[in-house]
């Protein structure tokens, strides 16, 4: 009997091949117009961008139906408030831990000392950041249709929760909509499965395009900065989260990391927490055993406000740029960086490159030259892929801790290595058991 290759394995193969092909193109075919026009700017770009759009296409309907099911599944407004408060507090805590860890390690290792400016400088124009008051005001959507059309996650979450609470209060009419939402949610999960069927090809094209344009050689001048960010990301993902999981959720960190692998692959390939929401939800519910009533709330919420990976980048980048420009930062400025990073993570959309806008806010606040961001632009895309993996690991860690506190985590599913494994997807002919 032949053993079928799992979808995750196929995606990992696609990712590895994309990395190799992209690096070879960057090394040997950077100036060959045919390859650049027809493969890098053609096939890889079109399929990769279409794949990311397909993932984003799932996010709003999936979050909407899943959140309605989650709120109605909880059935108690008090419990919903409790889950919301716990999630919010834990996300802010992990972000504060991330930025503190990054600052401590960066101060000890001191990347950027003796760095010659101009080696890999690039221009960066900082966008104006909205005042924090606007961020809180904008949580409430003036036009829900516009919020849905633009994919504004905080506004969508706010509106759907209010709508779902009203459904609970409406009695029989609300129950009928809840039943419909349950069916629509089930259908949306099948749509996720269909999109994931083309994931190996999409991931290959994304990786091939990124590495053909970036190239591993770009890292060399910035190896000090790059290495410190990667070290901090690694320590936070495998140290801080493992400690939180084993202490508060009573789960094996090793099993957790193994089961999170499909979501990690998607996060690395897309560099977008929002685009990875459908996969993170599926992994948490089917592979790890978190009930939809908890995961449906904490995952979209985390994708919006939890930016641990970005906070780590900000901490290291601040110390790096301060060293490059030989500017001494005091304790007050370091505390300001921690506070700013935690606040900036609230209301920041989980899309590629948003960390640089947040970084400009931090630099302005502590008096560092914003043009210094141009130095780190070259390696930011690769680091963005890595820090998105950390961000979604944080979302899943907090979800597990909250689920354990609410008794909505099924240990039997978590301890079953085969739970939720997708082997192959047969579309038209026979109905598969879920």
Protein backbone atom coordinates (compact mmCIF):
# COMPACT_ATOMS: atom_id res chain seq x y z
CA UNK A 1 0.00 0.00 0.00
CA UNK A 2 1.51 3.34 -1.04
CA UNK A 3 1.69 6.09 1.54
CA UNK A 4 0.23 9.35 0.23
CA UNK A 5 2.34 12.46 0.57
CA UNK A 6 0.69 15.02 2.87
CA UNK A 7 -0.12 18.47 1.59
CA UNK A 8 2.33 20.04 4.07
CA UNK A 9 5.17 17.92 2.67
CA UNK A 10 4.26 19.00 -0.88
CA UNK A 11 4.25 22.65 0.22
CA UNK A 12 7.64 22.26 1.92
CA UNK A 13 9.05 20.73 -1.28
CA UNK A 14 7.60 23.66 -3.29
CA UNK A 15 9.17 26.10 -0.83
CA UNK A 16 12.59 24.43 -1.02
CA UNK A 17 12.53 24.25 -4.83
CA UNK A 18 11.45 27.90 -5.03
CA UNK A 19 14.33 28.95 -2.80
CA UNK A 20 16.85 27.02 -4.93
CA UNK A 21 15.45 28.18 -8.30
CA UNK A 22 15.19 31.80 -7.12
CA UNK A 23 18.74 31.83 -5.73
CA UNK A 24 20.11 30.31 -8.98
CA UNK A 25 18.30 32.94 -11.09
CA UNK A 26 19.66 35.70 -8.84
CA UNK A 27 23.18 34.30 -9.17
CA UNK A 28 23.33 33.40 -12.87
CA UNK A 29 20.37 34.97 -14.72
CA UNK A 30 19.91 38.40 -13.15
CA UNK A 31 20.57 40.19 -16.44
CA UNK A 32 18.92 37.77 -18.88
CA UNK A 33 15.79 39.64 -20.12
CA UNK A 34 13.91 36.48 -21.20
CA UNK A 35 14.10 34.90 -17.72
CA UNK A 36 13.41 38.18 -15.90
CA UNK A 37 10.44 39.14 -18.11
CA UNK A 38 8.79 35.77 -18.67
CA UNK A 39 9.58 33.93 -15.44
CA UNK A 40 10.37 36.35 -12.58
CA UNK A 41 8.07 39.18 -13.73
CA UNK A 42 5.71 36.84 -15.59
CA UNK A 43 4.90 33.30 -14.41
CA UNK A 44 6.26 33.60 -10.84
CA UNK A 45 4.75 37.04 -10.26
CA UNK A 46 1.30 36.22 -11.70
CA UNK A 47 0.83 32.84 -9.97
CA UNK A 48 2.33 34.07 -6.67
CA UNK A 49 0.19 37.24 -6.57
CA UNK A 50 -2.94 35.31 -7.60
CA UNK A 51 -2.28 32.77 -4.82
CA UNK A 52 -1.95 35.51 -2.16
CA UNK A 53 -5.17 37.09 -3.50
CA UNK A 54 -6.89 33.69 -3.22
CA UNK A 55 -5.84 33.46 0.44
CA UNK A 56 -6.97 37.04 1.13
CA UNK A 57 -10.27 36.24 -0.63
CA UNK A 58 -10.99 33.70 2.13
CA UNK A 59 -10.23 35.95 5.09
CA UNK A 60 -13.28 38.25 5.38
CA UNK A 61 -16.05 35.64 4.79
CA UNK A 62 -14.24 33.03 6.92
CA UNK A 63 -13.66 35.43 9.83
CA UNK A 64 -17.28 36.68 9.59
CA UNK A 65 -19.00 33.28 9.62
CA UNK A 66 -16.49 31.76 12.04
CA UNK A 67 -16.84 34.65 14.49
CA UNK A 68 -20.66 34.51 14.37
CA UNK A 69 -20.47 30.77 15.12
CA UNK A 70 -17.92 31.46 17.87
CA UNK A 71 -19.99 34.14 19.64
CA UNK A 72 -23.20 32.10 19.33
CA UNK A 73 -21.28 29.01 20.50
CA UNK A 74 -20.17 30.85 23.64
CA UNK A 75 -23.74 32.06 24.10
CA UNK A 76 -22.77 34.16 27.11
CA UNK A 77 -21.82 37.84 26.69
CA UNK A 78 -19.88 37.74 29.98
CA UNK A 79 -17.74 34.83 28.72
CA UNK A 80 -17.13 36.70 25.46
CA UNK A 81 -15.89 39.74 27.39
CA UNK A 82 -13.65 37.47 29.46
CA UNK A 83 -12.11 35.87 26.34
CA UNK A 84 -11.63 39.31 24.78
CA UNK A 85 -9.91 40.73 27.87
CA UNK A 86 -7.64 37.69 28.33
CA UNK A 87 -6.63 37.73 24.64
CA UNK A 88 -5.93 41.47 24.65
CA UNK A 89 -3.85 41.31 27.85
CA UNK A 90 -1.85 38.28 26.66
CA UNK A 91 -1.14 39.81 23.23
CA UNK A 92 0.15 43.01 24.84
CA UNK A 93 2.23 40.96 27.31
CA UNK A 94 3.91 38.85 24.59
CA UNK A 95 4.64 41.98 22.51
CA UNK A 96 6.22 43.70 25.54
CA UNK A 97 8.30 40.55 26.25
CA UNK A 98 9.37 40.40 22.57
CA UNK A 99 10.58 44.01 22.37
CA UNK A 100 12.34 43.77 25.78
CA UNK A 101 14.14 40.56 24.72
CA UNK A 102 15.20 42.19 21.43
CA UNK A 103 16.53 45.33 23.14
CA UNK A 104 18.50 43.38 25.77
CA UNK A 105 20.15 41.05 23.20
CA UNK A 106 20.81 43.90 20.74
CA UNK A 107 22.44 46.04 23.48
CA UNK A 108 24.65 43.09 24.52
CA UNK A 109 25.70 42.09 20.95
CA UNK A 110 25.71 45.72 19.64
CA UNK A 111 25.12 45.20 15.89
CA UNK A 112 26.07 48.22 13.75
CA UNK A 113 29.22 49.26 15.58
CA UNK A 114 31.87 50.09 12.98
CA UNK A 115 29.31 49.72 10.14
CA UNK A 116 30.20 51.78 7.06
CA UNK A 117 27.14 53.64 5.81
CA UNK A 118 26.45 53.45 2.09
CA UNK A 119 27.15 49.71 1.80
CA UNK A 120 23.49 48.86 1.24
CA UNK A 121 21.64 52.13 1.73
CA UNK A 122 18.33 52.67 0.02
CA UNK A 123 15.79 55.47 0.18
CA UNK A 124 12.84 55.24 2.55
CA UNK A 125 10.04 57.78 2.75
CA UNK A 126 8.17 57.54 6.04
CA UNK A 127 4.39 57.72 5.98
CA UNK A 128 2.67 59.76 8.65
CA UNK A 129 1.35 57.53 11.42
CA UNK A 130 -2.18 58.15 12.71
CA UNK A 131 -2.51 59.48 16.28
CA UNK A 132 -3.39 56.79 18.83
CA UNK A 133 -6.77 58.48 19.47
CA UNK A 134 -7.71 57.91 15.81
CA UNK A 135 -6.74 54.24 16.11
CA UNK A 136 -9.28 53.74 18.93
CA UNK A 137 -11.97 55.83 17.20
CA UNK A 138 -11.49 53.86 13.97
CA UNK A 139 -12.21 50.54 15.71
CA UNK A 140 -15.88 51.49 15.32
CA UNK A 141 -16.78 51.35 11.59
CA UNK A 142 -18.66 54.40 10.27
CA UNK A 143 -19.67 52.23 7.31
CA UNK A 144 -19.58 48.43 7.88
CA UNK A 145 -19.87 47.73 4.12
CA UNK A 146 -16.73 49.82 3.52
CA UNK A 147 -14.94 47.98 6.36
CA UNK A 148 -15.78 44.63 4.73
CA UNK A 149 -14.77 45.89 1.27
CA UNK A 150 -11.39 47.14 2.53
CA UNK A 151 -10.75 44.15 4.80
CA UNK A 152 -10.27 46.33 7.91
CA UNK A 153 -9.99 43.52 10.46
CA UNK A 154 -10.54 45.46 13.71
CA UNK A 155 -13.69 47.12 12.31
CA UNK A 156 -14.97 43.79 10.95
CA UNK A 157 -14.38 42.04 14.30
CA UNK A 158 -16.15 44.88 16.16
CA UNK A 159 -19.20 44.86 13.85
CA UNK A 160 -19.54 41.05 13.70
CA UNK A 161 -19.34 40.73 17.50
CA UNK A 162 -22.05 43.41 17.96
CA UNK A 163 -24.16 41.69 15.26
CA UNK A 164 -23.70 38.23 16.83
CA UNK A 165 -24.61 39.57 20.31
CA UNK A 166 -27.78 41.07 18.76
CA UNK A 167 -28.50 37.62 17.24
CA UNK A 168 -28.33 36.06 20.71
CA UNK A 169 -30.75 38.70 22.00
CA UNK A 170 -33.14 38.25 19.02
CA UNK A 171 -34.14 34.73 20.03
CA UNK A 172 -35.65 32.53 17.27
CA UNK A 173 -34.76 34.91 14.38
CA UNK A 174 -31.14 35.01 15.59
CA UNK A 175 -31.07 31.21 15.94
CA UNK A 176 -32.05 30.80 12.28
CA UNK A 177 -29.23 33.12 11.14
CA UNK A 178 -26.82 31.23 13.45
CA UNK A 179 -27.80 27.92 11.78
CA UNK A 180 -27.18 29.48 8.36
CA UNK A 181 -23.81 30.90 9.52
CA UNK A 182 -22.85 27.40 10.74
CA UNK A 183 -23.53 25.94 7.27
CA UNK A 184 -21.75 28.83 5.52
CA UNK A 185 -18.74 28.39 7.82
CA UNK A 186 -18.58 24.70 6.91
CA UNK A 187 -18.66 25.57 3.19
CA UNK A 188 -15.94 28.23 3.68
CA UNK A 189 -13.67 25.64 5.32
CA UNK A 190 -14.10 23.52 2.16
CA UNK A 191 -13.15 26.58 0.05
CA UNK A 192 -9.98 26.85 2.20
CA UNK A 193 -9.24 23.21 1.38
CA UNK A 194 -9.65 23.86 -2.36
CA UNK A 195 -7.30 26.87 -2.27
CA UNK A 196 -4.77 24.88 -0.26
CA UNK A 197 -4.77 22.26 -3.00
CA UNK A 198 -2.85 24.69 -5.26
CA UNK A 199 -0.62 25.87 -2.40
CA UNK A 200 2.55 23.93 -3.43
CA UNK A 201 2.61 25.74 -6.80
CA UNK A 202 1.72 29.12 -5.27
CA UNK A 203 4.40 28.79 -2.58
CA UNK A 204 7.01 27.73 -5.18
CA UNK A 205 6.29 30.86 -7.28
CA UNK A 206 6.33 33.20 -4.27
CA UNK A 207 9.66 31.83 -3.06
CA UNK A 208 11.22 31.76 -6.53
CA UNK A 209 10.25 35.42 -7.16
CA UNK A 210 11.44 36.64 -3.74
CA UNK A 211 14.84 34.96 -3.91
CA UNK A 212 15.44 35.75 -7.59
CA UNK A 213 14.99 39.44 -6.73
CA UNK A 214 16.56 39.53 -3.26
CA UNK A 215 19.31 36.93 -3.42
CA UNK A 216 21.13 35.57 -0.39
CA UNK A 217 24.17 37.77 -1.20
CA UNK A 218 22.16 40.82 -0.11
CA UNK A 219 22.39 39.63 3.48
CA UNK A 220 26.22 39.73 3.65
CA UNK A 221 26.77 43.48 4.35
CA UNK A 222 23.95 43.35 6.92
CA UNK A 223 24.91 40.00 8.49
CA UNK A 224 25.25 41.48 12.02
CA UNK A 225 21.78 43.03 12.04
CA UNK A 226 20.20 40.07 10.22
CA UNK A 227 21.73 37.50 12.62
CA UNK A 228 20.64 39.36 15.78
CA UNK A 229 17.02 39.68 14.52
CA UNK A 230 16.94 35.95 13.60
CA UNK A 231 18.44 35.00 17.00
CA UNK A 232 15.80 37.05 18.86
CA UNK A 233 12.97 35.62 16.72
CA UNK A 234 14.25 32.09 17.42
CA UNK A 235 14.56 32.68 21.19
CA UNK A 236 11.08 34.22 21.39
CA UNK A 237 9.43 31.49 19.30
CA UNK A 238 11.10 28.55 21.01
CA UNK A 239 11.79 30.07 24.44
CA UNK A 240 9.08 32.54 25.46
CA UNK A 241 6.18 30.73 23.74
CA UNK A 242 7.31 27.29 24.93
CA UNK A 243 7.46 28.57 28.51
CA UNK A 244 3.99 30.17 28.25
CA UNK A 245 2.50 27.04 26.61
CA UNK A 246 3.88 24.55 29.12
CA UNK A 247 3.12 26.79 32.13
CA UNK A 248 -0.36 28.14 31.32
CA UNK A 249 -1.79 25.77 28.70
CA UNK A 250 -0.11 22.57 30.00
CA UNK A 251 0.78 21.55 26.42
CA UNK A 252 3.94 20.03 24.93
CA UNK A 253 5.75 22.82 23.01
CA UNK A 254 7.35 20.22 20.68
CA UNK A 255 3.97 18.74 19.63
CA UNK A 256 2.59 22.27 19.24
CA UNK A 257 5.45 23.36 16.90
CA UNK A 258 5.07 20.15 14.81
CA UNK A 259 1.33 20.68 14.42
CA UNK A 260 1.78 24.37 13.52
CA UNK A 261 4.01 23.49 10.54
CA UNK A 262 1.38 24.08 7.78
CA UNK A 263 0.61 27.55 9.16
CA UNK A 264 4.34 28.33 9.47
CA UNK A 265 4.91 27.45 5.80
CA UNK A 266 2.07 29.75 4.70
CA UNK A 267 3.24 32.58 6.98
CA UNK A 268 6.80 32.34 5.63
CA UNK A 269 5.65 32.27 2.01
CA UNK A 270 3.09 35.09 2.19
CA UNK A 271 4.69 37.36 4.87
CA UNK A 272 1.13 38.29 5.88
CA UNK A 273 -0.62 37.36 9.14
CA UNK A 274 -4.01 38.20 7.60
CA UNK A 275 -3.49 36.00 4.53
CA UNK A 276 -2.52 33.12 6.87
CA UNK A 277 -5.70 33.41 9.03
CA UNK A 278 -7.60 30.61 7.18
CA UNK A 279 -4.71 28.17 7.63
CA UNK A 280 -4.03 29.19 11.26
CA UNK A 281 -7.74 28.67 12.08
CA UNK A 282 -7.80 25.29 10.38
CA UNK A 283 -4.64 24.12 12.17
CA UNK A 284 -5.85 25.28 15.60
CA UNK A 285 -9.28 23.71 15.24
CA UNK A 286 -8.49 20.47 13.37
CA UNK A 287 -4.86 19.73 14.39
CA UNK A 288 -4.53 21.25 17.87
CA UNK A 289 -8.11 20.83 19.11
CA UNK A 290 -9.16 24.37 20.04
CA UNK A 291 -12.91 24.88 19.86
CA UNK A 292 -14.19 27.28 17.18
CA UNK A 293 -15.87 29.41 19.86
CA UNK A 294 -12.41 30.50 21.11
CA UNK A 295 -10.25 30.31 17.96
CA UNK A 296 -12.75 32.28 15.83
CA UNK A 297 -12.24 35.28 18.11
CA UNK A 298 -8.58 35.09 19.15
CA UNK A 299 -6.98 34.34 15.74
CA UNK A 300 -8.36 37.30 13.69
CA UNK A 301 -7.87 39.53 16.73
CA UNK A 302 -4.26 38.37 17.07
CA UNK A 303 -3.55 38.79 13.35
CA UNK A 304 -4.58 42.42 13.79
CA UNK A 305 -2.95 43.48 17.07
CA UNK A 306 -0.26 40.86 17.83
CA UNK A 307 3.04 41.93 16.23
CA UNK A 308 5.72 40.14 18.30
CA UNK A 309 7.99 39.49 15.30
CA UNK A 310 7.67 43.11 14.18
CA UNK A 311 8.38 44.34 17.73
CA UNK A 312 11.60 42.27 17.76
CA UNK A 313 12.69 43.80 14.44
CA UNK A 314 11.99 47.29 15.83
CA UNK A 315 14.05 46.68 18.95
CA UNK A 316 17.09 45.37 17.07
CA UNK A 317 16.76 47.97 14.27
CA UNK A 318 16.64 50.82 16.80
CA UNK A 319 19.87 49.70 18.51
CA UNK A 320 21.50 48.97 15.11
CA UNK A 321 20.69 52.42 13.64
CA UNK A 322 21.71 54.15 16.92
CA UNK A 323 25.09 52.36 16.71
CA UNK A 324 25.52 53.16 12.99
CA UNK A 325 24.87 56.87 13.56
CA UNK A 326 26.73 56.79 16.92
CA UNK A 327 23.75 58.09 18.90
CA UNK A 328 23.53 57.13 22.56
CA UNK A 329 20.10 56.07 23.79
CA UNK A 330 19.21 56.35 27.48
CA UNK A 331 16.91 54.24 29.69
CA UNK A 332 13.98 56.63 29.12
CA UNK A 333 14.31 56.21 25.34
CA UNK A 334 14.45 52.41 25.65
CA UNK A 335 11.29 52.45 27.79
CA UNK A 336 9.69 54.74 25.16
CA UNK A 337 10.61 52.19 22.45
CA UNK A 338 8.92 49.39 24.46
CA UNK A 339 5.77 51.47 25.01
CA UNK A 340 5.63 52.70 21.41
CA UNK A 341 6.05 49.20 19.96
CA UNK A 342 3.24 47.81 22.13
CA UNK A 343 0.90 50.70 21.24
CA UNK A 344 1.84 50.66 17.54
CA UNK A 345 0.93 46.96 17.32
CA UNK A 346 -2.71 47.87 18.12
CA UNK A 347 -4.61 48.77 14.98
CA UNK A 348 -1.78 47.88 12.60
CA UNK A 349 -2.93 45.69 9.72
CA UNK A 350 -1.15 42.33 9.28
CA UNK A 351 0.17 43.05 5.79
CA UNK A 352 3.71 42.83 4.32
CA UNK A 353 6.05 45.73 5.09
CA UNK A 354 3.90 47.37 7.77
CA UNK A 355 6.78 47.00 10.27
CA UNK A 356 8.72 49.72 8.48
CA UNK A 357 5.91 52.25 9.00
CA UNK A 358 5.79 51.31 12.69
CA UNK A 359 9.59 51.62 12.84
CA UNK A 360 9.43 55.17 11.43
CA UNK A 361 7.04 56.08 14.29
CA UNK A 362 9.50 54.69 16.87
CA UNK A 363 12.50 56.48 15.27
CA UNK A 364 10.64 59.82 15.27
CA UNK A 365 9.77 59.36 18.93
CA UNK A 366 13.35 58.68 20.15
CA UNK A 367 15.12 61.09 17.78
CA UNK A 368 16.81 58.66 15.38
CA UNK A 369 17.17 59.58 11.67
CA UNK A 370 14.27 58.00 9.74
CA UNK A 371 16.47 57.74 6.61
CA UNK A 372 18.45 55.09 8.53
CA UNK A 373 15.59 52.68 7.68
CA UNK A 374 16.99 52.71 4.12
CA UNK A 375 19.94 50.66 5.41
CA UNK A 376 17.77 47.74 6.48
CA UNK A 377 15.33 47.78 3.53
CA UNK A 378 17.39 45.27 1.53
CA UNK A 379 16.99 42.40 4.00
CA UNK A 380 13.56 43.40 5.31
CA UNK A 381 11.54 41.18 2.97
CA UNK A 382 13.35 38.02 4.14
CA UNK A 383 13.02 39.08 7.78
CA UNK A 384 9.33 39.93 7.18
CA UNK A 385 8.75 36.29 6.18
CA UNK A 386 10.44 35.05 9.37
CA UNK A 387 8.74 37.49 11.73
CA UNK A 388 5.29 36.64 10.27
CA UNK A 389 5.96 33.03 11.37
CA UNK A 390 6.62 34.33 14.89
CA UNK A 391 3.49 36.52 14.80
CA UNK A 392 1.17 33.62 13.93
CA UNK A 393 2.92 31.36 16.49
CA UNK A 394 2.07 34.04 19.07
CA UNK A 395 -1.57 34.08 17.89
CA UNK A 396 -1.76 30.30 18.29
CA UNK A 397 0.01 30.31 21.69
CA UNK A 398 -2.39 32.89 23.15
CA UNK A 399 -5.35 31.00 21.62
CA UNK A 400 -4.24 27.78 23.36
CA UNK A 401 -3.77 29.55 26.72
CA UNK A 402 -7.20 31.20 26.51
CA UNK A 403 -8.80 27.92 25.34
CA UNK A 404 -7.27 26.05 28.30
CA UNK A 405 -8.68 28.67 30.70
CA UNK A 406 -12.12 28.38 29.06
CA UNK A 407 -12.03 24.54 28.87
CA UNK A 408 -12.37 24.65 25.08
CA UNK A 409 -9.23 22.66 24.21
CA UNK A 410 -9.53 18.97 23.29
CA UNK A 411 -6.41 17.12 24.52
CA UNK A 412 -7.35 13.98 22.55
CA UNK A 413 -7.05 15.92 19.25
CA UNK A 414 -3.83 17.66 20.38
CA UNK A 415 -2.19 14.33 21.31
CA UNK A 416 -3.29 12.57 18.09
CA UNK A 417 -0.49 12.99 15.50
CA UNK A 418 -2.91 12.21 12.62
CA UNK A 419 -5.67 14.64 13.67
CA UNK A 420 -6.53 17.06 10.88
CA UNK A 421 -3.79 15.91 8.49
CA UNK A 422 -4.68 16.73 4.88
CA UNK A 423 -3.33 14.11 2.50
CA UNK A 424 -5.06 14.77 -0.78
CA UNK A 425 -8.09 16.62 -2.01
CA UNK A 426 -10.48 14.89 -4.41
CA UNK A 427 -12.79 17.51 -5.84
CA UNK A 428 -15.64 16.19 -7.93
CA UNK A 429 -16.41 12.50 -7.43
CA UNK A 430 -16.78 11.22 -3.93
CA UNK A 431 -17.58 12.80 -0.63
CA UNK A 432 -14.71 12.75 1.85
CA UNK A 433 -15.08 12.15 5.53
CA UNK A 434 -14.09 15.24 7.45
